[in-house]
PDB file of N, CA and C in Angstrom:
ATOM      1  N   MET A   1       0.718  -1.153  -0.069  1.00  0.00           N
ATOM      2  CA  MET A   1       0.058   0.164   0.012  1.00  0.00           C
ATOM      3  C   MET A   1       0.885   1.313  -0.017  1.00  0.00           C
ATOM      4  N   ARG A   2       0.292   2.563  -0.469  1.00  0.00           N
ATOM      5  CA  ARG A   2       1.204   3.443  -0.414  1.00  0.00           C
ATOM      6  C   ARG A   2       0.150   4.700  -0.114  1.00  0.00           C
ATOM      7  N   ALA A   3       0.687   5.812   0.489  1.00  0.00           N
ATOM      8  CA  ALA A   3      -0.116   6.920   1.054  1.00  0.00           C
ATOM      9  C   ALA A   3      -0.574   7.688  -0.208  1.00  0.00           C
ATOM     10  N   VAL A   4      -1.522   8.485  -0.307  1.00  0.00           N
ATOM     11  CA  VAL A   4      -1.920   9.333  -1.285  1.00  0.00           C
ATOM     12  C   VAL A   4      -2.604  10.517  -0.423  1.00  0.00           C
ATOM     13  N   GLU A   5      -2.929  11.633  -1.087  1.00  0.00           N
ATOM     14  CA  GLU A   5      -3.369  12.891  -0.537  1.00  0.00           C
ATOM     15  C   GLU A   5      -4.531  12.610   0.244  1.00  0.00           C
ATOM     16  N   GLY A   6      -4.653  13.202   1.321  1.00  0.00           N
ATOM     17  CA  GLY A   6      -5.919  13.179   2.295  1.00  0.00           C
ATOM     18  C   GLY A   6      -5.911  11.933   3.274  1.00  0.00           C
ATOM     19  N   GLY A   7      -4.651  11.365   3.538  1.00  0.00           N
ATOM     20  CA  GLY A   7      -4.759  10.599   4.493  1.00  0.00           C
ATOM     21  C   GLY A   7      -5.257   9.085   3.835  1.00  0.00           C
ATOM     22  N   ALA A   8      -5.795   8.798   2.734  1.00  0.00           N
ATOM     23  CA  ALA A   8      -5.944   7.957   2.003  1.00  0.00           C
ATOM     24  C   ALA A   8      -5.001   6.939   1.797  1.00  0.00           C
ATOM     25  N   VAL A   9      -5.143   5.602   1.622  1.00  0.00           N
ATOM     26  CA  VAL A   9      -4.360   4.785   1.258  1.00  0.00           C
ATOM     27  C   VAL A   9      -4.384   3.996  -0.240  1.00  0.00           C
ATOM     28  N   ALA A  10      -3.524   4.010  -1.055  1.00  0.00           N
ATOM     29  CA  ALA A  10      -4.081   3.238  -2.295  1.00  0.00           C
ATOM     30  C   ALA A  10      -3.156   1.851  -2.535  1.00  0.00           C
ATOM     31  N   LEU A  11      -3.674   0.973  -3.026  1.00  0.00           N
ATOM     32  CA  LEU A  11      -2.984  -0.107  -3.146  1.00  0.00           C
ATOM     33  C   LEU A  11      -1.861  -0.253  -4.185  1.00  0.00           C
ATOM     34  N   VAL A  12      -0.847  -0.709  -4.077  1.00  0.00           N
ATOM     35  CA  VAL A  12       0.298  -0.927  -5.173  1.00  0.00           C
ATOM     36  C   VAL A  12      -0.178  -1.903  -6.076  1.00  0.00           C
ATOM     37  N   ARG A  13      -0.212  -1.583  -7.424  1.00  0.00           N
ATOM     38  CA  ARG A  13      -0.756  -2.842  -8.230  1.00  0.00           C
ATOM     39  C   ARG A  13       0.105  -3.714  -8.626  1.00  0.00           C
ATOM     40  N   LYS A  14       1.460  -3.649  -8.459  1.00  0.00           N
ATOM     41  CA  LYS A  14       2.164  -4.910  -8.992  1.00  0.00           C
ATOM     42  C   LYS A  14       1.952  -6.006  -7.622  1.00  0.00           C
ATOM     43  N   GLY A  15       1.657  -7.023  -7.819  1.00  0.00           N
ATOM     44  CA  GLY A  15       1.325  -8.147  -6.963  1.00  0.00           C
ATOM     45  C   GLY A  15      -0.098  -8.248  -6.402  1.00  0.00           C
ATOM     46  N   SER A  16      -0.961  -7.287  -7.163  1.00  0.00           N
ATOM     47  CA  SER A  16      -2.409  -7.284  -6.642  1.00  0.00           C
ATOM     48  C   SER A  16      -3.190  -8.309  -7.703  1.00  0.00           C
ATOM     49  N   ARG A  17      -4.251  -8.818  -7.075  1.00  0.00           N
ATOM     50  CA  ARG A  17      -5.083  -9.787  -8.032  1.00  0.00           C
ATOM     51  C   ARG A  17      -6.516  -9.023  -7.746  1.00  0.00           C
ATOM     52  N   HIS A  18      -7.304  -9.553  -8.995  1.00  0.00           N
ATOM     53  CA  HIS A  18      -8.541  -8.846  -9.268  1.00  0.00           C
ATOM     54  C   HIS A  18      -9.477  -9.970  -8.448  1.00  0.00           C
ATOM     55  N   ILE A  19     -10.840  -9.845  -7.941  1.00  0.00           N
ATOM     56  CA  ILE A  19     -11.476 -10.411  -7.660  1.00  0.00           C
ATOM     57  C   ILE A  19     -13.038  -9.858  -8.179  1.00  0.00           C
ATOM     58  N   VAL A  20     -14.097 -10.512  -8.557  1.00  0.00           N
ATOM     59  CA  VAL A  20     -15.317 -10.133  -8.730  1.00  0.00           C
ATOM     60  C   VAL A  20     -16.353 -10.588  -7.492  1.00  0.00           C
ATOM     61  N   VAL A  21     -16.817  -9.591  -7.091  1.00  0.00           N
ATOM     62  CA  VAL A  21     -18.061  -9.989  -6.017  1.00  0.00           C
ATOM     63  C   VAL A  21     -19.465  -9.486  -6.435  1.00  0.00           C
ATOM     64  N   ASP A  22     -20.321 -10.124  -6.588  1.00  0.00           N
ATOM     65  CA  ASP A  22     -21.444  -9.550  -6.869  1.00  0.00           C
ATOM     66  C   ASP A  22     -21.413  -8.597  -8.212  1.00  0.00           C
ATOM     67  N   GLY A  23     -20.657  -8.886  -9.274  1.00  0.00           N
ATOM     68  CA  GLY A  23     -20.686  -8.138 -10.366  1.00  0.00           C
ATOM     69  C   GLY A  23     -19.327  -7.007 -10.395  1.00  0.00           C
ATOM     70  N   VAL A  24     -19.072  -6.844  -9.299  1.00  0.00           N
ATOM     71  CA  VAL A  24     -18.194  -5.434  -9.157  1.00  0.00           C
ATOM     72  C   VAL A  24     -16.815  -5.939  -8.870  1.00  0.00           C
ATOM     73  N   THR A  25     -15.750  -5.689  -9.531  1.00  0.00           N
ATOM     74  CA  THR A  25     -14.542  -6.145  -9.696  1.00  0.00           C
ATOM     75  C   THR A  25     -13.640  -5.227  -8.876  1.00  0.00           C
ATOM     76  N   TYR A  26     -12.873  -5.976  -7.929  1.00  0.00           N
ATOM     77  CA  TYR A  26     -11.850  -5.555  -6.599  1.00  0.00           C
ATOM     78  C   TYR A  26     -10.661  -5.710  -7.067  1.00  0.00           C
ATOM     79  N   ARG A  27      -9.655  -5.136  -6.606  1.00  0.00           N
ATOM     80  CA  ARG A  27      -8.211  -5.709  -6.569  1.00  0.00           C
ATOM     81  C   ARG A  27      -7.801  -5.871  -5.072  1.00  0.00           C
ATOM     82  N   TRP A  28      -7.150  -7.004  -4.793  1.00  0.00           N
ATOM     83  CA  TRP A  28      -6.656  -7.108  -3.291  1.00  0.00           C
ATOM     84  C   TRP A  28      -4.976  -7.565  -3.372  1.00  0.00           C
ATOM     85  N   ARG A  29      -4.541  -7.392  -2.102  1.00  0.00           N
ATOM     86  CA  ARG A  29      -3.245  -7.711  -2.205  1.00  0.00           C
ATOM     87  C   ARG A  29      -2.600  -8.140  -0.843  1.00  0.00           C
ATOM     88  N   LEU A  30      -2.155  -9.156  -0.843  1.00  0.00           N
ATOM     89  CA  LEU A  30      -1.276  -9.595   0.390  1.00  0.00           C
ATOM     90  C   LEU A  30      -0.097  -9.082   0.476  1.00  0.00           C
ATOM     91  N   ARG A  31       0.361  -8.681   1.516  1.00  0.00           N
ATOM     92  CA  ARG A  31       1.933  -8.237   1.420  1.00  0.00           C
ATOM     93  C   ARG A  31       2.955  -9.376   1.472  1.00  0.00           C
ATOM     94  N   GLY A  32       3.558  -9.626   0.438  1.00  0.00           N
ATOM     95  CA  GLY A  32       4.563 -10.653   0.110  1.00  0.00           C
ATOM     96  C   GLY A  32       5.335 -11.163   1.103  1.00  0.00           C
ATOM     97  N   ARG A  33       6.207  -9.977   1.767  1.00  0.00           N
ATOM     98  CA  ARG A  33       7.209 -10.184   2.663  1.00  0.00           C
ATOM     99  C   ARG A  33       6.398  -9.857   4.174  1.00  0.00           C
ATOM    100  N   PRO A  34       6.501 -10.307   4.948  1.00  0.00           N
ATOM    101  CA  PRO A  34       5.662  -9.825   6.497  1.00  0.00           C
ATOM    102  C   PRO A  34       6.430  -8.925   6.850  1.00  0.00           C
ATOM    103  N   THR A  35       5.692  -7.858   7.632  1.00  0.00           N
ATOM    104  CA  THR A  35       6.485  -7.108   8.289  1.00  0.00           C
ATOM    105  C   THR A  35       7.137  -7.648   9.370  1.00  0.00           C
ATOM    106  N   TYR A  36       8.124  -7.148  10.386  1.00  0.00           N
ATOM    107  CA  TYR A  36       8.956  -7.512  11.279  1.00  0.00           C
ATOM    108  C   TYR A  36       8.075  -8.278  12.308  1.00  0.00           C
ATOM    109  N   ASP A  37       6.905  -7.613  12.657  1.00  0.00           N
ATOM    110  CA  ASP A  37       5.929  -8.171  13.706  1.00  0.00           C
ATOM    111  C   ASP A  37       5.440  -9.385  12.960  1.00  0.00           C
ATOM    112  N   GLN A  38       5.092  -9.244  11.947  1.00  0.00           N
ATOM    113  CA  GLN A  38       4.416 -10.716  11.234  1.00  0.00           C
ATOM    114  C   GLN A  38       5.271 -11.368  11.093  1.00  0.00           C
ATOM    115  N   GLY A  39       6.701 -11.147  10.721  1.00  0.00           N
ATOM    116  CA  GLY A  39       7.647 -12.378  10.716  1.00  0.00           C
ATOM    117  C   GLY A  39       7.889 -12.996  11.832  1.00  0.00           C
ATOM    118  N   MET A  40       7.682 -12.306  13.068  1.00  0.00           N
ATOM    119  CA  MET A  40       7.783 -13.074  14.379  1.00  0.00           C
ATOM    120  C   MET A  40       6.522 -13.403  15.083  1.00  0.00           C
ATOM    121  N   ALA A  41       5.421 -13.222  14.188  1.00  0.00           N
ATOM    122  CA  ALA A  41       4.436 -13.979  14.672  1.00  0.00           C
ATOM    123  C   ALA A  41       3.663 -13.154  15.612  1.00  0.00           C
ATOM    124  N   TRP A  42       4.059 -11.863  16.009  1.00  0.00           N
ATOM    125  CA  TRP A  42       3.553 -11.039  17.034  1.00  0.00           C
ATOM    126  C   TRP A  42       2.442 -10.377  16.519  1.00  0.00           C
ATOM    127  N   SER A  43       1.796 -10.297  15.306  1.00  0.00           N
ATOM    128  CA  SER A  43       0.830  -9.427  14.684  1.00  0.00           C
ATOM    129  C   SER A  43       0.294 -10.406  13.664  1.00  0.00           C
ATOM    130  N   PRO A  44      -1.065 -10.294  13.469  1.00  0.00           N
ATOM    131  CA  PRO A  44      -1.668 -11.146  12.426  1.00  0.00           C
ATOM    132  C   PRO A  44      -1.353 -10.792  10.881  1.00  0.00           C
ATOM    133  N   CYS A  45      -1.564 -11.531  10.038  1.00  0.00           N
ATOM    134  CA  CYS A  45      -1.621 -11.427   8.792  1.00  0.00           C
ATOM    135  C   CYS A  45      -2.856 -10.285   8.391  1.00  0.00           C
ATOM    136  N   THR A  46      -2.419  -9.375   7.440  1.00  0.00           N
ATOM    137  CA  THR A  46      -3.305  -8.370   6.882  1.00  0.00           C
ATOM    138  C   THR A  46      -3.529  -8.269   5.366  1.00  0.00           C
ATOM    139  N   PHE A  47      -4.638  -8.058   4.710  1.00  0.00           N
ATOM    140  CA  PHE A  47      -4.756  -7.850   3.260  1.00  0.00           C
ATOM    141  C   PHE A  47      -5.324  -6.613   2.968  1.00  0.00           C
ATOM    142  N   ALA A  48      -5.312  -6.229   1.713  1.00  0.00           N
ATOM    143  CA  ALA A  48      -6.092  -4.831   1.548  1.00  0.00           C
ATOM    144  C   ALA A  48      -6.664  -5.227   0.174  1.00  0.00           C
ATOM    145  N   VAL A  49      -7.763  -4.262   0.087  1.00  0.00           N
ATOM    146  CA  VAL A  49      -8.674  -4.509  -0.880  1.00  0.00           C
ATOM    147  C   VAL A  49      -9.416  -3.013  -1.311  1.00  0.00           C
ATOM    148  N   GLU A  50      -9.442  -3.002  -2.829  1.00  0.00           N
ATOM    149  CA  GLU A  50      -9.992  -1.579  -3.228  1.00  0.00           C
ATOM    150  C   GLU A  50     -10.711  -1.723  -4.479  1.00  0.00           C
ATOM    151  N   HIS A  51     -11.629  -0.959  -4.888  1.00  0.00           N
ATOM    152  CA  HIS A  51     -12.528  -0.974  -6.060  1.00  0.00           C
ATOM    153  C   HIS A  51     -11.438  -0.741  -7.206  1.00  0.00           C
ATOM    154  N   ALA A  52     -11.749  -1.674  -8.195  1.00  0.00           N
ATOM    155  CA  ALA A  52     -10.933  -1.824  -9.191  1.00  0.00           C
ATOM    156  C   ALA A  52     -10.908  -0.514 -10.289  1.00  0.00           C
ATOM    157  N   ASP A  53     -11.857  -0.101 -10.550  1.00  0.00           N
ATOM    158  CA  ASP A  53     -12.009   0.907 -11.476  1.00  0.00           C
ATOM    159  C   ASP A  53     -12.059   2.451 -10.742  1.00  0.00           C
ATOM    160  N   SER A  54     -12.532   2.434  -9.507  1.00  0.00           N
ATOM    161  CA  SER A  54     -13.020   3.789  -9.075  1.00  0.00           C
ATOM    162  C   SER A  54     -12.456   3.870  -7.469  1.00  0.00           C
ATOM    163  N   PRO A  55     -11.007   3.539  -7.351  1.00  0.00           N
ATOM    164  CA  PRO A  55     -10.733   3.196  -6.089  1.00  0.00           C
ATOM    165  C   PRO A  55     -10.830   4.379  -5.281  1.00  0.00           C
ATOM    166  N   GLY A  56     -11.387   3.974  -3.821  1.00  0.00           N
ATOM    167  CA  GLY A  56     -11.551   5.386  -2.844  1.00  0.00           C
ATOM    168  C   GLY A  56     -11.192   4.881  -1.604  1.00  0.00           C
ATOM    169  N   THR A  57     -11.957   4.477  -0.715  1.00  0.00           N
ATOM    170  CA  THR A  57     -11.570   3.862   0.684  1.00  0.00           C
ATOM    171  C   THR A  57     -11.022   2.480   0.436  1.00  0.00           C
ATOM    172  N   THR A  58      -9.924   2.409   1.020  1.00  0.00           N
ATOM    173  CA  THR A  58      -8.898   1.187   1.048  1.00  0.00           C
ATOM    174  C   THR A  58      -9.853   0.225   2.087  1.00  0.00           C
ATOM    175  N   LEU A  59     -10.046  -0.958   1.846  1.00  0.00           N
ATOM    176  CA  LEU A  59     -10.378  -2.034   2.846  1.00  0.00           C
ATOM    177  C   LEU A  59      -8.947  -2.627   3.401  1.00  0.00           C
ATOM    178  N   VAL A  60      -8.983  -2.559   4.896  1.00  0.00           N
ATOM    179  CA  VAL A  60      -7.780  -3.343   5.417  1.00  0.00           C
ATOM    180  C   VAL A  60      -8.159  -4.491   6.273  1.00  0.00           C
ATOM    181  N   VAL A  61      -8.050  -5.596   5.940  1.00  0.00           N
ATOM    182  CA  VAL A  61      -8.586  -6.563   6.726  1.00  0.00           C
ATOM    183  C   VAL A  61      -7.364  -7.551   7.551  1.00  0.00           C
ATOM    184  N   THR A  62      -7.806  -7.579   9.042  1.00  0.00           N
ATOM    185  CA  THR A  62      -6.752  -8.106   9.688  1.00  0.00           C
ATOM    186  C   THR A  62      -7.549  -9.537  10.077  1.00  0.00           C
ATOM    187  N   THR A  63      -6.620 -10.736   9.779  1.00  0.00           N
ATOM    188  CA  THR A  63      -7.121 -12.035   9.705  1.00  0.00           C
ATOM    189  C   THR A  63      -6.563 -12.464  11.400  1.00  0.00           C
ATOM    190  N   ASP A  64      -6.872 -13.739  11.647  1.00  0.00           N
ATOM    191  CA  ASP A  64      -6.606 -14.278  12.871  1.00  0.00           C
ATOM    192  C   ASP A  64      -5.633 -15.469  12.525  1.00  0.00           C
ATOM    193  N   GLN A  65      -4.757 -15.230  11.634  1.00  0.00           N
ATOM    194  CA  GLN A  65      -3.768 -15.956  11.125  1.00  0.00           C
ATOM    195  C   GLN A  65      -2.351 -15.110  11.396  1.00  0.00           C
ATOM    196  N   PRO A  66      -1.171 -16.070  11.528  1.00  0.00           N
ATOM    197  CA  PRO A  66      -0.050 -15.565  11.528  1.00  0.00           C
ATOM    198  C   PRO A  66       0.371 -15.240   9.804  1.00  0.00           C
ATOM    199  N   HIS A  67       1.408 -14.756   9.263  1.00  0.00           N
ATOM    200  CA  HIS A  67       1.615 -14.203   7.957  1.00  0.00           C
ATOM    201  C   HIS A  67       1.978 -15.692   7.401  1.00  0.00           C
ATOM    202  N   PRO A  68       1.809 -16.188   6.353  1.00  0.00           N
ATOM    203  CA  PRO A  68       2.040 -17.446   5.868  1.00  0.00           C
ATOM    204  C   PRO A  68       3.579 -17.615   5.698  1.00  0.00           C
ATOM    205  N   SER A  69       4.096 -16.379   5.408  1.00  0.00           N
ATOM    206  CA  SER A  69       5.611 -16.388   5.178  1.00  0.00           C
ATOM    207  C   SER A  69       6.646 -15.914   6.733  1.00  0.00           C
ATOM    208  N   ASN A  70       6.102 -16.295   7.823  1.00  0.00           N
ATOM    209  CA  ASN A  70       6.466 -15.841   9.172  1.00  0.00           C
ATOM    210  C   ASN A  70       7.883 -16.630   9.273  1.00  0.00           C
ATOM    211  N   TRP A  71       8.632 -15.913  10.020  1.00  0.00           N
ATOM    212  CA  TRP A  71      10.028 -16.771  10.034  1.00  0.00           C
ATOM    213  C   TRP A  71      10.121 -17.864  11.153  1.00  0.00           C
ATOM    214  N   LEU A  72       9.017 -17.725  12.024  1.00  0.00           N
ATOM    215  CA  LEU A  72       9.014 -19.070  13.194  1.00  0.00           C
ATOM    216  C   LEU A  72       8.752 -20.294  12.700  1.00  0.00           C
ATOM    217  N   GLY A  73       7.880 -20.408  10.995  1.00  0.00           N
ATOM    218  CA  GLY A  73       7.266 -21.503  10.721  1.00  0.00           C
ATOM    219  C   GLY A  73       6.106 -21.866  11.315  1.00  0.00           C
ATOM    220  N   ARG A  74       5.400 -20.881  12.129  1.00  0.00           N
ATOM    221  CA  ARG A  74       4.176 -21.071  12.531  1.00  0.00           C
ATOM    222  C   ARG A  74       3.213 -21.667  11.351  1.00  0.00           C
ATOM    223  N   ASP A  75       2.260 -22.587  11.961  1.00  0.00           N
ATOM    224  CA  ASP A  75       1.228 -22.948  10.750  1.00  0.00           C
ATOM    225  C   ASP A  75       0.480 -21.574  10.506  1.00  0.00           C
ATOM    226  N   ALA A  76       0.206 -21.467   9.261  1.00  0.00           N
ATOM    227  CA  ALA A  76      -0.764 -20.149   8.651  1.00  0.00           C
ATOM    228  C   ALA A  76      -1.472 -20.872   7.599  1.00  0.00           C
ATOM    229  N   ARG A  77      -2.715 -20.630   7.538  1.00  0.00           N
ATOM    230  CA  ARG A  77      -3.494 -20.827   6.531  1.00  0.00           C
ATOM    231  C   ARG A  77      -3.450 -19.464   5.417  1.00  0.00           C
ATOM    232  N   PRO A  78      -3.053 -20.275   4.164  1.00  0.00           N
ATOM    233  CA  PRO A  78      -2.957 -19.297   2.998  1.00  0.00           C
ATOM    234  C   PRO A  78      -4.329 -18.421   3.044  1.00  0.00           C
ATOM    235  N   VAL A  79      -4.277 -16.962   2.528  1.00  0.00           N
ATOM    236  CA  VAL A  79      -5.462 -15.979   2.286  1.00  0.00           C
ATOM    237  C   VAL A  79      -5.904 -16.516   0.989  1.00  0.00           C
ATOM    238  N   LEU A  80      -7.161 -17.190   0.862  1.00  0.00           N
ATOM    239  CA  LEU A  80      -7.871 -17.593  -0.156  1.00  0.00           C
ATOM    240  C   LEU A  80      -8.736 -16.611  -0.859  1.00  0.00           C
ATOM    241  N   PRO A  81      -9.030 -16.776  -2.119  1.00  0.00           N
ATOM    242  CA  PRO A  81      -9.795 -15.750  -2.872  1.00  0.00           C
ATOM    243  C   PRO A  81     -11.133 -15.864  -1.932  1.00  0.00           C
ATOM    244  N   SER A  82     -11.739 -16.975  -1.655  1.00  0.00           N
ATOM    245  CA  SER A  82     -13.013 -16.995  -1.028  1.00  0.00           C
ATOM    246  C   SER A  82     -12.967 -16.188   0.433  1.00  0.00           C
ATOM    247  N   ASP A  83     -11.657 -16.249   1.019  1.00  0.00           N
ATOM    248  CA  ASP A  83     -11.839 -15.284   1.987  1.00  0.00           C
ATOM    249  C   ASP A  83     -11.769 -14.009   1.975  1.00  0.00           C
ATOM    250  N   VAL A  84     -11.460 -13.567   0.848  1.00  0.00           N
ATOM    251  CA  VAL A  84     -11.314 -12.001   0.249  1.00  0.00           C
ATOM    252  C   VAL A  84     -12.876 -11.578   0.104  1.00  0.00           C
ATOM    253  N   ALA A  85     -13.488 -12.632  -0.871  1.00  0.00           N
ATOM    254  CA  ALA A  85     -15.013 -12.307  -1.083  1.00  0.00           C
ATOM    255  C   ALA A  85     -15.740 -12.304   0.426  1.00  0.00           C
ATOM    256  N   GLU A  86     -15.514 -13.110   1.235  1.00  0.00           N
ATOM    257  CA  GLU A  86     -16.188 -13.150   2.262  1.00  0.00           C
ATOM    258  C   GLU A  86     -16.035 -11.558   3.342  1.00  0.00           C
ATOM    259  N   ALA A  87     -14.587 -11.236   3.168  1.00  0.00           N
ATOM    260  CA  ALA A  87     -14.429  -9.885   3.774  1.00  0.00           C
ATOM    261  C   ALA A  87     -15.078  -8.820   3.213  1.00  0.00           C
ATOM    262  N   ILE A  88     -15.169  -8.958   1.909  1.00  0.00           N
ATOM    263  CA  ILE A  88     -15.580  -7.672   1.066  1.00  0.00           C
ATOM    264  C   ILE A  88     -17.133  -7.689   1.274  1.00  0.00           C
ATOM    265  N   GLY A  89     -17.615  -8.784   1.468  1.00  0.00           N
ATOM    266  CA  GLY A  89     -19.185  -8.817   1.581  1.00  0.00           C
ATOM    267  C   GLY A  89     -19.635  -8.267   3.096  1.00  0.00           C
ATOM    268  N   LEU A  90     -18.694  -8.758   3.851  1.00  0.00           N
ATOM    269  CA  LEU A  90     -19.175  -8.242   5.225  1.00  0.00           C
ATOM    270  C   LEU A  90     -18.928  -6.743   5.414  1.00  0.00           C
ATOM    271  N   ALA A  91     -17.573  -6.502   4.880  1.00  0.00           N
ATOM    272  CA  ALA A  91     -17.257  -4.883   4.860  1.00  0.00           C
ATOM    273  C   ALA A  91     -18.365  -3.997   4.481  1.00  0.00           C
ATOM    274  N   LEU A  92     -19.022  -4.511   3.069  1.00  0.00           N
ATOM    275  CA  LEU A  92     -20.165  -3.709   2.401  1.00  0.00           C
ATOM    276  C   LEU A  92     -21.424  -3.699   3.350  1.00  0.00           C
ATOM    277  N   ARG A  93     -21.610  -4.773   3.796  1.00  0.00           N
ATOM    278  CA  ARG A  93     -22.719  -4.900   4.992  1.00  0.00           C
ATOM    279  C   ARG A  93     -22.644  -3.970   6.044  1.00  0.00           C
ATOM    280  N   THR A  94     -21.275  -3.726   6.338  1.00  0.00           N
ATOM    281  CA  THR A  94     -21.064  -3.058   7.613  1.00  0.00           C
ATOM    282  C   THR A  94     -20.660  -1.400   7.239  1.00  0.00           C
ATOM    283  N   GLY A  95     -20.997  -1.048   6.202  1.00  0.00           N
ATOM    284  CA  GLY A  95     -20.868   0.323   5.830  1.00  0.00           C
ATOM    285  C   GLY A  95     -19.695   0.808   5.027  1.00  0.00           C
ATOM    286  N   TRP A  96     -18.526  -0.105   4.664  1.00  0.00           N
ATOM    287  CA  TRP A  96     -17.677   0.299   3.553  1.00  0.00           C
ATOM    288  C   TRP A  96     -18.238   0.664   2.212  1.00  0.00           C
ATOM    289  N   ILE A  97     -17.968   1.899   2.042  1.00  0.00           N
ATOM    290  CA  ILE A  97     -18.238   2.228   0.597  1.00  0.00           C
ATOM    291  C   ILE A  97     -16.942   2.335  -0.271  1.00  0.00           C
ATOM    292  N   PRO A  98     -16.647   1.521  -0.959  1.00  0.00           N
ATOM    293  CA  PRO A  98     -15.181   1.683  -1.816  1.00  0.00           C
ATOM    294  C   PRO A  98     -14.893   2.624  -2.756  1.00  0.00           C
ATOM    295  N   THR A  99     -16.012   3.275  -3.259  1.00  0.00           N
ATOM    296  CA  THR A  99     -15.815   4.327  -4.226  1.00  0.00           C
ATOM    297  C   THR A  99     -15.626   5.688  -3.543  1.00  0.00           C
ATOM    298  N   ASN A 100     -16.097   5.796  -2.248  1.00  0.00           N
ATOM    299  CA  ASN A 100     -16.088   7.073  -1.631  1.00  0.00           C
ATOM    300  C   ASN A 100     -14.551   7.398  -1.223  1.00  0.00           C
ATOM    301  N   PRO A 101     -13.660   8.624  -1.317  1.00  0.00           N
ATOM    302  CA  PRO A 101     -12.443   8.700  -0.640  1.00  0.00           C
ATOM    303  C   PRO A 101     -12.686   8.588   0.612  1.00  0.00           C
ATOM    304  N   GLY A 102     -11.380   8.597   1.183  1.00  0.00           N
ATOM    305  CA  GLY A 102     -11.367   8.567   2.987  1.00  0.00           C
ATOM    306  C   GLY A 102     -10.414   7.768   3.487  1.00  0.00           C
ATOM    307  N   ARG A 103     -10.363   7.640   4.834  1.00  0.00           N
ATOM    308  CA  ARG A 103      -9.465   6.688   5.492  1.00  0.00           C
ATOM    309  C   ARG A 103      -9.701   5.367   5.148  1.00  0.00           C
ATOM    310  N   PRO A 104      -8.838   4.567   5.404  1.00  0.00           N
ATOM    311  CA  PRO A 104      -8.769   2.948   5.320  1.00  0.00           C
ATOM    312  C   PRO A 104     -10.018   2.358   6.308  1.00  0.00           C
ATOM    313  N   PHE A 105     -10.973   1.731   5.824  1.00  0.00           N
ATOM    314  CA  PHE A 105     -11.914   1.068   6.360  1.00  0.00           C
ATOM    315  C   PHE A 105     -11.281  -0.357   7.082  1.00  0.00           C
ATOM    316  N   HIS A 106     -11.368  -0.322   8.286  1.00  0.00           N
ATOM    317  CA  HIS A 106     -10.614  -1.518   8.908  1.00  0.00           C
ATOM    318  C   HIS A 106     -11.634  -2.532   9.323  1.00  0.00           C
ATOM    319  N   LEU A 107     -11.405  -4.153   9.215  1.00  0.00           N
ATOM    320  CA  LEU A 107     -11.989  -4.883   9.261  1.00  0.00           C
ATOM    321  C   LEU A 107     -11.440  -6.310  10.010  1.00  0.00           C
ATOM    322  N   GLY A 108     -11.641  -6.275  11.139  1.00  0.00           N
ATOM    323  CA  GLY A 108     -11.228  -7.696  11.993  1.00  0.00           C
ATOM    324  C   GLY A 108     -11.782  -8.901  11.556  1.00  0.00           C
ATOM    325  N   ARG A 109     -11.001  -9.899  11.778  1.00  0.00           N
ATOM    326  CA  ARG A 109     -11.603 -11.204  11.340  1.00  0.00           C
ATOM    327  C   ARG A 109     -11.564 -12.014  12.413  1.00  0.00           C
TER     328      ARG A 109
END
């Protein structure tokens, strides 16, 4: 992710994947290399989602799993497209409007 004007966060295109939920295309990305805290399994894995055509507010999802590339070899389930689709649906139902500009919308899982 990278910061943009107004405190919003935009997704880096490199490494992002497309997913279609209810006919709408989104881009999502899981950080390839964990942060230090994720690598040590001190903090959970997160991924980010944004509307593919009109990015506004970025959805940041915190999972209940360690990052798959953690350095301690802790068992971690990979983030699957079905997990991303489920998170998008939940975020939309709880008020995320992906095309509106603004601060990231955080969703804990």
